[in-house]
């Protein structure tokens, strides 16, 4: 009897060994070189996503092109700012935000020539910024609005944040809207320009990861796996900052030291901060942002912001 039991157990072990491992969930996430998204790169490069059963491709796609990539199926998820999700959903690109990535504390801003001292001095000037419906354009509109102006008071030239900073340093345009790591290039060259407004003065850049409802429905464990991977990447940064900075910096051609400097101007959101954010801050900001987007003509009606999120990945 004992022999038969041992043989049966051995057969079960052999059968189990022969079974293929569960296939990893494949997902392509659209991002940019923004410092706040870097923990996603760390999770990819250090095997954290794989550990959580995910086969992740991080694809750099300009923010203005990301909704088209989502609509076409090239992307299942993306990282972008809270107000951008409002615009995308209003245009028919249905998505759900699943966790917060970061909040900018001076990492985004407007740079200008030395003779432009204040935001009011931008009136009639040429400002390089990404297209309407993107975070840099919204930042420009937000800052101008807070100073009694609008985008109609400036001449906007559409350039992505890296190109906007490069063009500015090359002597083009009166001002530019950009972010880390590119804004630090202007910090280092005060003879060419200076920073006249950042998210320290106007705290309004909040980044989240979101996915299509179809992807979330077909992969019910994916949202939690993505969020948990991100939180584990934040732990890795705390436990081995230099190695983490080296990995994240390499993706944007920065040294570990340069990346560390860029990261000082933002704060990544851990799980506890995610819970707090979605409880109140998200709702308040989304409602305020919706009012401004309505005034800008980027959306036709104010959305029910509760339909734009699925917080199950961070609520347990």
C-alpha atoms as a PDB file:
ATOM      1  CA  UNK A   1       0.000   0.000   0.000  1.00  0.00           C
ATOM      2  CA  UNK A   2       2.795   2.339   0.964  1.00  0.00           C
ATOM      3  CA  UNK A   3       4.675   1.545  -2.287  1.00  0.00           C
ATOM      4  CA  UNK A   4       1.584   2.254  -4.399  1.00  0.00           C
ATOM      5  CA  UNK A   5       1.132   5.577  -2.601  1.00  0.00           C
ATOM      6  CA  UNK A   6       4.747   6.579  -3.207  1.00  0.00           C
ATOM      7  CA  UNK A   7       4.486   5.596  -6.879  1.00  0.00           C
ATOM      8  CA  UNK A   8       1.320   7.643  -7.270  1.00  0.00           C
ATOM      9  CA  UNK A   9       2.939  10.650  -5.649  1.00  0.00           C
ATOM     10  CA  UNK A  10       5.967  10.297  -7.898  1.00  0.00           C
ATOM     11  CA  UNK A  11       3.729  10.116 -10.961  1.00  0.00           C
ATOM     12  CA  UNK A  12       1.974  13.313  -9.901  1.00  0.00           C
ATOM     13  CA  UNK A  13       5.306  15.096  -9.485  1.00  0.00           C
ATOM     14  CA  UNK A  14       6.448  13.984 -12.937  1.00  0.00           C
ATOM     15  CA  UNK A  15       3.164  15.094 -14.453  1.00  0.00           C
ATOM     16  CA  UNK A  16       3.423  18.454 -12.692  1.00  0.00           C
ATOM     17  CA  UNK A  17       6.969  18.936 -13.918  1.00  0.00           C
ATOM     18  CA  UNK A  18       5.840  18.235 -17.467  1.00  0.00           C
ATOM     19  CA  UNK A  19       3.108  20.889 -17.350  1.00  0.00           C
ATOM     20  CA  UNK A  20       4.128  24.177 -19.003  1.00  0.00           C
ATOM     21  CA  UNK A  21       4.451  27.244 -16.813  1.00  0.00           C
ATOM     22  CA  UNK A  22       1.591  29.732 -16.983  1.00  0.00           C
ATOM     23  CA  UNK A  23       2.120  32.146 -19.845  1.00  0.00           C
ATOM     24  CA  UNK A  24       3.039  35.684 -18.850  1.00  0.00           C
ATOM     25  CA  UNK A  25       0.476  38.389 -19.587  1.00  0.00           C
ATOM     26  CA  UNK A  26       1.718  40.476 -22.494  1.00  0.00           C
ATOM     27  CA  UNK A  27       1.183  44.219 -22.287  1.00  0.00           C
ATOM     28  CA  UNK A  28       2.636  47.205 -24.124  1.00  0.00           C
ATOM     29  CA  UNK A  29       2.722  50.457 -22.157  1.00  0.00           C
ATOM     30  CA  UNK A  30       3.178  53.821 -23.862  1.00  0.00           C
ATOM     31  CA  UNK A  31       5.517  56.178 -22.022  1.00  0.00           C
ATOM     32  CA  UNK A  32       7.954  59.045 -22.599  1.00  0.00           C
ATOM     33  CA  UNK A  33      11.406  59.821 -21.225  1.00  0.00           C
ATOM     34  CA  UNK A  34       9.857  61.768 -18.296  1.00  0.00           C
ATOM     35  CA  UNK A  35      11.714  61.102 -15.050  1.00  0.00           C
ATOM     36  CA  UNK A  36       8.481  60.280 -13.219  1.00  0.00           C
ATOM     37  CA  UNK A  37       7.904  57.215 -15.414  1.00  0.00           C
ATOM     38  CA  UNK A  38      11.373  55.800 -14.731  1.00  0.00           C
ATOM     39  CA  UNK A  39      10.315  53.230 -12.063  1.00  0.00           C
ATOM     40  CA  UNK A  40       8.486  51.430 -14.895  1.00  0.00           C
ATOM     41  CA  UNK A  41      11.822  51.147 -16.703  1.00  0.00           C
ATOM     42  CA  UNK A  42      13.422  49.861 -13.509  1.00  0.00           C
ATOM     43  CA  UNK A  43      10.671  47.253 -13.106  1.00  0.00           C
ATOM     44  CA  UNK A  44      11.276  46.137 -16.684  1.00  0.00           C
ATOM     45  CA  UNK A  45      15.067  46.059 -16.632  1.00  0.00           C
ATOM     46  CA  UNK A  46      15.415  44.429 -13.199  1.00  0.00           C
ATOM     47  CA  UNK A  47      12.933  41.613 -13.867  1.00  0.00           C
ATOM     48  CA  UNK A  48      10.230  42.837 -11.469  1.00  0.00           C
ATOM     49  CA  UNK A  49       7.483  42.749 -14.092  1.00  0.00           C
ATOM     50  CA  UNK A  50       8.501  39.227 -15.068  1.00  0.00           C
ATOM     51  CA  UNK A  51       8.411  38.166 -11.417  1.00  0.00           C
ATOM     52  CA  UNK A  52       4.776  39.315 -11.283  1.00  0.00           C
ATOM     53  CA  UNK A  53       3.802  37.311 -14.357  1.00  0.00           C
ATOM     54  CA  UNK A  54       3.986  40.147 -16.867  1.00  0.00           C
ATOM     55  CA  UNK A  55       5.716  40.366 -20.229  1.00  0.00           C
ATOM     56  CA  UNK A  56       5.945  44.148 -20.524  1.00  0.00           C
ATOM     57  CA  UNK A  57       7.059  46.201 -23.495  1.00  0.00           C
ATOM     58  CA  UNK A  58       7.699  49.869 -22.730  1.00  0.00           C
ATOM     59  CA  UNK A  59       7.222  51.883 -25.891  1.00  0.00           C
ATOM     60  CA  UNK A  60       8.190  55.546 -26.132  1.00  0.00           C
ATOM     61  CA  UNK A  61       5.319  57.270 -27.920  1.00  0.00           C
ATOM     62  CA  UNK A  62       4.798  61.062 -28.013  1.00  0.00           C
ATOM     63  CA  UNK A  63       1.930  62.014 -25.721  1.00  0.00           C
ATOM     64  CA  UNK A  64      -0.143  63.411 -28.594  1.00  0.00           C
ATOM     65  CA  UNK A  65       0.160  60.075 -30.437  1.00  0.00           C
ATOM     66  CA  UNK A  66      -0.565  57.788 -27.477  1.00  0.00           C
ATOM     67  CA  UNK A  67      -4.386  57.858 -27.760  1.00  0.00           C
ATOM     68  CA  UNK A  68      -4.139  56.851 -31.428  1.00  0.00           C
ATOM     69  CA  UNK A  69      -1.825  53.989 -30.464  1.00  0.00           C
ATOM     70  CA  UNK A  70      -4.306  52.868 -27.793  1.00  0.00           C
ATOM     71  CA  UNK A  71      -7.237  53.082 -30.211  1.00  0.00           C
ATOM     72  CA  UNK A  72      -5.351  51.018 -32.795  1.00  0.00           C
ATOM     73  CA  UNK A  73      -4.444  48.322 -30.273  1.00  0.00           C
ATOM     74  CA  UNK A  74      -0.685  48.994 -30.401  1.00  0.00           C
ATOM     75  CA  UNK A  75      -0.847  49.975 -26.718  1.00  0.00           C
ATOM     76  CA  UNK A  76      -2.952  48.350 -24.016  1.00  0.00           C
ATOM     77  CA  UNK A  77      -1.847  50.762 -21.309  1.00  0.00           C
ATOM     78  CA  UNK A  78      -0.105  54.108 -21.001  1.00  0.00           C
ATOM     79  CA  UNK A  79       1.340  56.552 -18.519  1.00  0.00           C
ATOM     80  CA  UNK A  80       0.212  60.152 -18.663  1.00  0.00           C
ATOM     81  CA  UNK A  81      -1.284  62.992 -16.635  1.00  0.00           C
ATOM     82  CA  UNK A  82      -4.718  62.908 -15.014  1.00  0.00           C
ATOM     83  CA  UNK A  83      -6.218  65.644 -17.198  1.00  0.00           C
ATOM     84  CA  UNK A  84      -4.941  63.938 -20.353  1.00  0.00           C
ATOM     85  CA  UNK A  85      -7.037  60.853 -19.562  1.00  0.00           C
ATOM     86  CA  UNK A  86     -10.067  63.166 -19.415  1.00  0.00           C
ATOM     87  CA  UNK A  87      -9.327  64.437 -22.929  1.00  0.00           C
ATOM     88  CA  UNK A  88      -8.687  60.941 -24.301  1.00  0.00           C
ATOM     89  CA  UNK A  89     -11.923  59.559 -22.899  1.00  0.00           C
ATOM     90  CA  UNK A  90     -13.858  62.551 -24.189  1.00  0.00           C
ATOM     91  CA  UNK A  91     -12.479  61.833 -27.669  1.00  0.00           C
ATOM     92  CA  UNK A  92     -13.672  58.221 -27.549  1.00  0.00           C
ATOM     93  CA  UNK A  93     -10.476  56.501 -26.374  1.00  0.00           C
ATOM     94  CA  UNK A  94     -11.987  54.722 -23.359  1.00  0.00           C
ATOM     95  CA  UNK A  95      -9.497  54.001 -20.583  1.00  0.00           C
ATOM     96  CA  UNK A  96      -9.336  53.445 -16.828  1.00  0.00           C
ATOM     97  CA  UNK A  97      -6.596  54.820 -14.575  1.00  0.00           C
ATOM     98  CA  UNK A  98      -5.351  52.089 -12.227  1.00  0.00           C
ATOM     99  CA  UNK A  99      -2.594  53.641 -10.089  1.00  0.00           C
ATOM    100  CA  UNK A 100      -0.743  56.891  -9.518  1.00  0.00           C
ATOM    101  CA  UNK A 101       2.894  57.189 -10.520  1.00  0.00           C
ATOM    102  CA  UNK A 102       4.112  60.568  -9.349  1.00  0.00           C
ATOM    103  CA  UNK A 103       3.498  64.187  -8.554  1.00  0.00           C
ATOM    104  CA  UNK A 104       5.738  66.908  -9.940  1.00  0.00           C
ATOM    105  CA  UNK A 105       7.422  69.281  -7.484  1.00  0.00           C
ATOM    106  CA  UNK A 106       9.269  71.592  -9.841  1.00  0.00           C
ATOM    107  CA  UNK A 107      10.050  68.981 -12.488  1.00  0.00           C
ATOM    108  CA  UNK A 108       7.772  70.633 -15.082  1.00  0.00           C
ATOM    109  CA  UNK A 109       7.822  74.257 -16.015  1.00  0.00           C
ATOM    110  CA  UNK A 110       8.206  77.145 -18.403  1.00  0.00           C
ATOM    111  CA  UNK A 111      11.634  78.468 -19.355  1.00  0.00           C
ATOM    112  CA  UNK A 112      12.095  81.911 -20.904  1.00  0.00           C
ATOM    113  CA  UNK A 113      14.723  84.346 -22.117  1.00  0.00           C
ATOM    114  CA  UNK A 114      16.452  86.495 -19.467  1.00  0.00           C
ATOM    115  CA  UNK A 115      14.419  89.592 -20.392  1.00  0.00           C
ATOM    116  CA  UNK A 116      11.112  87.773 -19.715  1.00  0.00           C
ATOM    117  CA  UNK A 117      10.797  88.156 -15.956  1.00  0.00           C
ATOM    118  CA  UNK A 118       7.225  87.014 -15.261  1.00  0.00           C
ATOM    119  CA  UNK A 119       4.392  84.985 -16.768  1.00  0.00           C
ATOM    120  CA  UNK A 120       2.681  88.253 -17.725  1.00  0.00           C
ATOM    121  CA  UNK A 121       5.721  89.088 -19.885  1.00  0.00           C
ATOM    122  CA  UNK A 122       4.884  86.104 -22.112  1.00  0.00           C
ATOM    123  CA  UNK A 123       2.058  88.046 -23.754  1.00  0.00           C
ATOM    124  CA  UNK A 124       2.680  88.195 -27.491  1.00  0.00           C
ATOM    125  CA  UNK A 125       5.739  85.926 -27.208  1.00  0.00           C
ATOM    126  CA  UNK A 126       6.451  82.628 -28.994  1.00  0.00           C
ATOM    127  CA  UNK A 127       6.243  79.613 -26.680  1.00  0.00           C
ATOM    128  CA  UNK A 128       7.261  76.077 -27.695  1.00  0.00           C
ATOM    129  CA  UNK A 129       4.928  73.442 -26.270  1.00  0.00           C
ATOM    130  CA  UNK A 130       3.436  70.076 -27.138  1.00  0.00           C
ATOM    131  CA  UNK A 131       0.082  70.093 -28.935  1.00  0.00           C
ATOM    132  CA  UNK A 132      -3.331  70.697 -27.313  1.00  0.00           C
ATOM    133  CA  UNK A 133      -4.457  67.639 -25.342  1.00  0.00           C
ATOM    134  CA  UNK A 134      -0.997  67.036 -23.870  1.00  0.00           C
ATOM    135  CA  UNK A 135       0.379  67.698 -20.404  1.00  0.00           C
ATOM    136  CA  UNK A 136       2.796  70.511 -21.411  1.00  0.00           C
ATOM    137  CA  UNK A 137       0.036  72.377 -23.263  1.00  0.00           C
ATOM    138  CA  UNK A 138      -2.288  71.979 -20.281  1.00  0.00           C
ATOM    139  CA  UNK A 139       0.456  73.272 -17.966  1.00  0.00           C
ATOM    140  CA  UNK A 140       0.846  76.318 -20.203  1.00  0.00           C
ATOM    141  CA  UNK A 141      -2.916  76.911 -20.220  1.00  0.00           C
ATOM    142  CA  UNK A 142      -3.135  76.404 -16.431  1.00  0.00           C
ATOM    143  CA  UNK A 143      -0.306  78.843 -15.662  1.00  0.00           C
ATOM    144  CA  UNK A 144      -1.612  81.465 -18.088  1.00  0.00           C
ATOM    145  CA  UNK A 145      -5.119  81.085 -16.659  1.00  0.00           C
ATOM    146  CA  UNK A 146      -3.833  81.663 -13.123  1.00  0.00           C
ATOM    147  CA  UNK A 147      -2.316  84.912 -14.390  1.00  0.00           C
ATOM    148  CA  UNK A 148      -5.427  86.192 -16.150  1.00  0.00           C
ATOM    149  CA  UNK A 149      -4.339  85.049 -19.605  1.00  0.00           C
ATOM    150  CA  UNK A 150      -4.979  82.230 -22.050  1.00  0.00           C
ATOM    151  CA  UNK A 151      -3.137  80.417 -24.828  1.00  0.00           C
ATOM    152  CA  UNK A 152      -4.629  83.023 -27.200  1.00  0.00           C
ATOM    153  CA  UNK A 153      -2.299  85.576 -25.624  1.00  0.00           C
ATOM    154  CA  UNK A 154       0.821  83.746 -26.840  1.00  0.00           C
ATOM    155  CA  UNK A 155       2.031  82.241 -30.102  1.00  0.00           C
ATOM    156  CA  UNK A 156       2.359  78.487 -29.533  1.00  0.00           C
ATOM    157  CA  UNK A 157       4.803  76.446 -31.618  1.00  0.00           C
ATOM    158  CA  UNK A 158       4.264  72.704 -31.194  1.00  0.00           C
ATOM    159  CA  UNK A 159       7.402  70.874 -30.057  1.00  0.00           C
ATOM    160  CA  UNK A 160       7.753  67.906 -27.707  1.00  0.00           C
ATOM    161  CA  UNK A 161       9.456  68.690 -24.342  1.00  0.00           C
ATOM    162  CA  UNK A 162      12.926  67.459 -25.333  1.00  0.00           C
ATOM    163  CA  UNK A 163      12.840  69.211 -28.703  1.00  0.00           C
ATOM    164  CA  UNK A 164      11.385  72.341 -27.079  1.00  0.00           C
ATOM    165  CA  UNK A 165      14.315  72.524 -24.634  1.00  0.00           C
ATOM    166  CA  UNK A 166      16.881  71.827 -27.365  1.00  0.00           C
ATOM    167  CA  UNK A 167      15.402  74.480 -29.631  1.00  0.00           C
ATOM    168  CA  UNK A 168      15.360  76.982 -26.757  1.00  0.00           C
ATOM    169  CA  UNK A 169      19.025  76.359 -25.985  1.00  0.00           C
ATOM    170  CA  UNK A 170      19.768  76.745 -29.690  1.00  0.00           C
ATOM    171  CA  UNK A 171      18.328  80.267 -29.545  1.00  0.00           C
ATOM    172  CA  UNK A 172      14.880  79.525 -30.958  1.00  0.00           C
ATOM    173  CA  UNK A 173      11.604  80.819 -29.475  1.00  0.00           C
ATOM    174  CA  UNK A 174      11.059  83.143 -26.539  1.00  0.00           C
ATOM    175  CA  UNK A 175      10.000  80.443 -24.099  1.00  0.00           C
ATOM    176  CA  UNK A 176       9.380  76.704 -23.859  1.00  0.00           C
ATOM    177  CA  UNK A 177       7.346  74.279 -21.779  1.00  0.00           C
ATOM    178  CA  UNK A 178       9.415  71.268 -20.786  1.00  0.00           C
ATOM    179  CA  UNK A 179      10.177  68.864 -17.941  1.00  0.00           C
ATOM    180  CA  UNK A 180      12.910  66.789 -16.330  1.00  0.00           C
ATOM    181  CA  UNK A 181      15.429  65.774 -17.395  1.00  0.00           C
ATOM    182  CA  UNK A 182      15.335  68.419 -20.141  1.00  0.00           C
ATOM    183  CA  UNK A 183      14.490  71.410 -17.957  1.00  0.00           C
ATOM    184  CA  UNK A 184      17.727  70.908 -16.013  1.00  0.00           C
ATOM    185  CA  UNK A 185      19.672  71.727 -19.169  1.00  0.00           C
ATOM    186  CA  UNK A 186      18.253  75.248 -18.876  1.00  0.00           C
ATOM    187  CA  UNK A 187      18.946  75.377 -15.136  1.00  0.00           C
ATOM    188  CA  UNK A 188      22.620  74.854 -16.029  1.00  0.00           C
ATOM    189  CA  UNK A 189      22.743  77.727 -18.579  1.00  0.00           C
ATOM    190  CA  UNK A 190      21.336  80.873 -16.946  1.00  0.00           C
ATOM    191  CA  UNK A 191      22.937  83.077 -19.596  1.00  0.00           C
ATOM    192  CA  UNK A 192      20.492  81.667 -22.172  1.00  0.00           C
ATOM    193  CA  UNK A 193      17.379  81.710 -20.041  1.00  0.00           C
ATOM    194  CA  UNK A 194      15.741  80.947 -16.724  1.00  0.00           C
ATOM    195  CA  UNK A 195      12.731  79.158 -15.289  1.00  0.00           C
ATOM    196  CA  UNK A 196       9.783  81.485 -14.705  1.00  0.00           C
ATOM    197  CA  UNK A 197       7.220  78.933 -13.484  1.00  0.00           C
ATOM    198  CA  UNK A 198       7.270  75.347 -12.258  1.00  0.00           C
ATOM    199  CA  UNK A 199       4.951  72.910 -10.554  1.00  0.00           C
ATOM    200  CA  UNK A 200       6.245  74.174  -7.229  1.00  0.00           C
ATOM    201  CA  UNK A 201       4.372  77.393  -7.998  1.00  0.00           C
ATOM    202  CA  UNK A 202       1.517  75.632  -9.823  1.00  0.00           C
ATOM    203  CA  UNK A 203       1.097  72.065  -8.475  1.00  0.00           C
ATOM    204  CA  UNK A 204      -0.898  70.457 -11.277  1.00  0.00           C
ATOM    205  CA  UNK A 205       1.127  67.635 -12.871  1.00  0.00           C
ATOM    206  CA  UNK A 206      -0.113  64.284 -11.543  1.00  0.00           C
ATOM    207  CA  UNK A 207       0.761  61.117 -13.472  1.00  0.00           C
ATOM    208  CA  UNK A 208      -1.088  57.812 -13.511  1.00  0.00           C
ATOM    209  CA  UNK A 209      -1.036  54.523 -15.409  1.00  0.00           C
ATOM    210  CA  UNK A 210      -4.211  53.506 -17.198  1.00  0.00           C
ATOM    211  CA  UNK A 211      -5.356  50.685 -19.457  1.00  0.00           C
ATOM    212  CA  UNK A 212      -8.222  49.902 -21.791  1.00  0.00           C
ATOM    213  CA  UNK A 213     -11.293  48.255 -20.206  1.00  0.00           C
ATOM    214  CA  UNK A 214     -10.976  45.395 -22.702  1.00  0.00           C
ATOM    215  CA  UNK A 215      -7.448  44.618 -21.536  1.00  0.00           C
ATOM    216  CA  UNK A 216      -8.416  44.796 -17.864  1.00  0.00           C
ATOM    217  CA  UNK A 217     -11.433  42.557 -18.425  1.00  0.00           C
ATOM    218  CA  UNK A 218      -9.437  39.972 -20.393  1.00  0.00           C
ATOM    219  CA  UNK A 219      -6.614  40.026 -17.810  1.00  0.00           C
ATOM    220  CA  UNK A 220      -8.264  40.483 -14.388  1.00  0.00           C
ATOM    221  CA  UNK A 221      -4.987  40.082 -12.483  1.00  0.00           C
ATOM    222  CA  UNK A 222      -2.976  42.471 -14.643  1.00  0.00           C
ATOM    223  CA  UNK A 223      -3.858  45.746 -12.910  1.00  0.00           C
ATOM    224  CA  UNK A 224      -2.705  44.486  -9.513  1.00  0.00           C
ATOM    225  CA  UNK A 225       0.413  42.926 -11.046  1.00  0.00           C
ATOM    226  CA  UNK A 226       1.323  46.222 -12.721  1.00  0.00           C
ATOM    227  CA  UNK A 227       0.715  48.241  -9.565  1.00  0.00           C
ATOM    228  CA  UNK A 228       2.577  45.783  -7.327  1.00  0.00           C
ATOM    229  CA  UNK A 229       5.513  45.805  -9.755  1.00  0.00           C
ATOM    230  CA  UNK A 230       5.643  49.576  -9.601  1.00  0.00           C
ATOM    231  CA  UNK A 231       5.550  49.580  -5.780  1.00  0.00           C
ATOM    232  CA  UNK A 232       8.316  46.957  -5.706  1.00  0.00           C
ATOM    233  CA  UNK A 233      10.399  49.167  -8.002  1.00  0.00           C
ATOM    234  CA  UNK A 234       9.992  52.018  -5.499  1.00  0.00           C
ATOM    235  CA  UNK A 235      11.259  49.671  -2.777  1.00  0.00           C
ATOM    236  CA  UNK A 236      14.250  48.828  -4.968  1.00  0.00           C
ATOM    237  CA  UNK A 237      15.042  52.544  -5.302  1.00  0.00           C
ATOM    238  CA  UNK A 238      15.008  52.901  -1.511  1.00  0.00           C
ATOM    239  CA  UNK A 239      17.097  49.764  -0.945  1.00  0.00           C
ATOM    240  CA  UNK A 240      19.721  50.365  -3.639  1.00  0.00           C
ATOM    241  CA  UNK A 241      19.380  53.919  -4.925  1.00  0.00           C
ATOM    242  CA  UNK A 242      22.651  54.102  -6.838  1.00  0.00           C
ATOM    243  CA  UNK A 243      22.026  50.956  -8.863  1.00  0.00           C
ATOM    244  CA  UNK A 244      18.440  52.032  -9.484  1.00  0.00           C
ATOM    245  CA  UNK A 245      19.459  55.532 -10.588  1.00  0.00           C
ATOM    246  CA  UNK A 246      22.028  54.009 -12.931  1.00  0.00           C
ATOM    247  CA  UNK A 247      19.410  51.781 -14.599  1.00  0.00           C
ATOM    248  CA  UNK A 248      16.794  54.523 -14.841  1.00  0.00           C
ATOM    249  CA  UNK A 249      19.259  57.176 -15.946  1.00  0.00           C
ATOM    250  CA  UNK A 250      20.684  55.029 -18.731  1.00  0.00           C
ATOM    251  CA  UNK A 251      17.273  55.022 -20.419  1.00  0.00           C
ATOM    252  CA  UNK A 252      17.429  58.806 -20.873  1.00  0.00           C
ATOM    253  CA  UNK A 253      21.192  59.053 -21.350  1.00  0.00           C
ATOM    254  CA  UNK A 254      21.879  60.370 -17.852  1.00  0.00           C
ATOM    255  CA  UNK A 255      24.442  59.259 -15.304  1.00  0.00           C
ATOM    256  CA  UNK A 256      23.203  57.979 -11.946  1.00  0.00           C
ATOM    257  CA  UNK A 257      24.119  61.349 -10.396  1.00  0.00           C
ATOM    258  CA  UNK A 258      22.307  63.326 -13.104  1.00  0.00           C
ATOM    259  CA  UNK A 259      19.209  61.182 -12.752  1.00  0.00           C
ATOM    260  CA  UNK A 260      19.234  61.582  -8.978  1.00  0.00           C
ATOM    261  CA  UNK A 261      19.271  65.368  -9.438  1.00  0.00           C
ATOM    262  CA  UNK A 262      16.301  65.206 -11.833  1.00  0.00           C
ATOM    263  CA  UNK A 263      14.335  63.002  -9.442  1.00  0.00           C
ATOM    264  CA  UNK A 264      14.603  65.597  -6.663  1.00  0.00           C
ATOM    265  CA  UNK A 265      11.915  67.620  -8.402  1.00  0.00           C
ATOM    266  CA  UNK A 266       9.171  65.001  -8.154  1.00  0.00           C
ATOM    267  CA  UNK A 267       7.734  62.448  -5.749  1.00  0.00           C
ATOM    268  CA  UNK A 268       6.781  58.891  -6.639  1.00  0.00           C
ATOM    269  CA  UNK A 269       3.574  57.650  -4.996  1.00  0.00           C
ATOM    270  CA  UNK A 270       3.715  54.476  -2.906  1.00  0.00           C
ATOM    271  CA  UNK A 271       0.672  52.325  -2.139  1.00  0.00           C
ATOM    272  CA  UNK A 272      -0.447  54.323   0.901  1.00  0.00           C
ATOM    273  CA  UNK A 273      -0.168  57.566  -1.064  1.00  0.00           C
ATOM    274  CA  UNK A 274      -2.125  55.970  -3.911  1.00  0.00           C
ATOM    275  CA  UNK A 275      -5.011  55.172  -1.585  1.00  0.00           C
ATOM    276  CA  UNK A 276      -5.078  58.715  -0.241  1.00  0.00           C
ATOM    277  CA  UNK A 277      -4.804  60.221  -3.725  1.00  0.00           C
ATOM    278  CA  UNK A 278      -7.773  58.386  -5.186  1.00  0.00           C
ATOM    279  CA  UNK A 279      -9.906  59.040  -2.113  1.00  0.00           C
ATOM    280  CA  UNK A 280      -9.944  62.830  -2.490  1.00  0.00           C
ATOM    281  CA  UNK A 281      -7.165  64.575  -4.422  1.00  0.00           C
ATOM    282  CA  UNK A 282      -7.965  62.791  -7.673  1.00  0.00           C
ATOM    283  CA  UNK A 283     -11.613  63.817  -7.592  1.00  0.00           C
ATOM    284  CA  UNK A 284     -10.899  67.449  -6.688  1.00  0.00           C
ATOM    285  CA  UNK A 285      -8.196  67.859  -9.306  1.00  0.00           C
ATOM    286  CA  UNK A 286     -10.189  66.096 -12.054  1.00  0.00           C
ATOM    287  CA  UNK A 287     -13.162  68.388 -11.485  1.00  0.00           C
ATOM    288  CA  UNK A 288     -11.001  71.524 -11.581  1.00  0.00           C
ATOM    289  CA  UNK A 289      -9.133  70.291 -14.651  1.00  0.00           C
ATOM    290  CA  UNK A 290     -12.408  69.451 -16.408  1.00  0.00           C
ATOM    291  CA  UNK A 291     -13.614  73.031 -15.965  1.00  0.00           C
ATOM    292  CA  UNK A 292     -10.444  74.377 -17.583  1.00  0.00           C
ATOM    293  CA  UNK A 293     -10.581  71.803 -20.404  1.00  0.00           C
ATOM    294  CA  UNK A 294     -14.162  72.853 -21.093  1.00  0.00           C
ATOM    295  CA  UNK A 295     -13.093  76.472 -21.307  1.00  0.00           C
ATOM    296  CA  UNK A 296     -10.271  75.525 -23.666  1.00  0.00           C
ATOM    297  CA  UNK A 297     -12.704  73.655 -25.906  1.00  0.00           C
ATOM    298  CA  UNK A 298     -10.827  70.355 -25.532  1.00  0.00           C
ATOM    299  CA  UNK A 299     -13.879  68.546 -24.122  1.00  0.00           C
ATOM    300  CA  UNK A 300     -17.577  69.168 -24.786  1.00  0.00           C
ATOM    301  CA  UNK A 301     -18.995  68.172 -21.415  1.00  0.00           C
ATOM    302  CA  UNK A 302     -17.769  67.565 -17.896  1.00  0.00           C
ATOM    303  CA  UNK A 303     -17.273  63.841 -17.231  1.00  0.00           C
ATOM    304  CA  UNK A 304     -18.277  61.737 -14.253  1.00  0.00           C
ATOM    305  CA  UNK A 305     -14.717  61.311 -12.973  1.00  0.00           C
ATOM    306  CA  UNK A 306     -15.612  58.095 -11.117  1.00  0.00           C
ATOM    307  CA  UNK A 307     -15.904  56.383 -14.511  1.00  0.00           C
ATOM    308  CA  UNK A 308     -12.294  57.184 -15.356  1.00  0.00           C
ATOM    309  CA  UNK A 309     -10.709  54.963 -12.706  1.00  0.00           C
ATOM    310  CA  UNK A 310     -10.490  51.395 -11.449  1.00  0.00           C
ATOM    311  CA  UNK A 311      -8.789  51.552  -8.048  1.00  0.00           C
ATOM    312  CA  UNK A 312      -9.066  47.841  -7.221  1.00  0.00           C
ATOM    313  CA  UNK A 313      -5.300  47.406  -7.642  1.00  0.00           C
ATOM    314  CA  UNK A 314      -4.486  49.835  -4.825  1.00  0.00           C
ATOM    315  CA  UNK A 315      -7.513  49.601  -2.559  1.00  0.00           C
ATOM    316  CA  UNK A 316      -6.837  46.272  -0.775  1.00  0.00           C
END
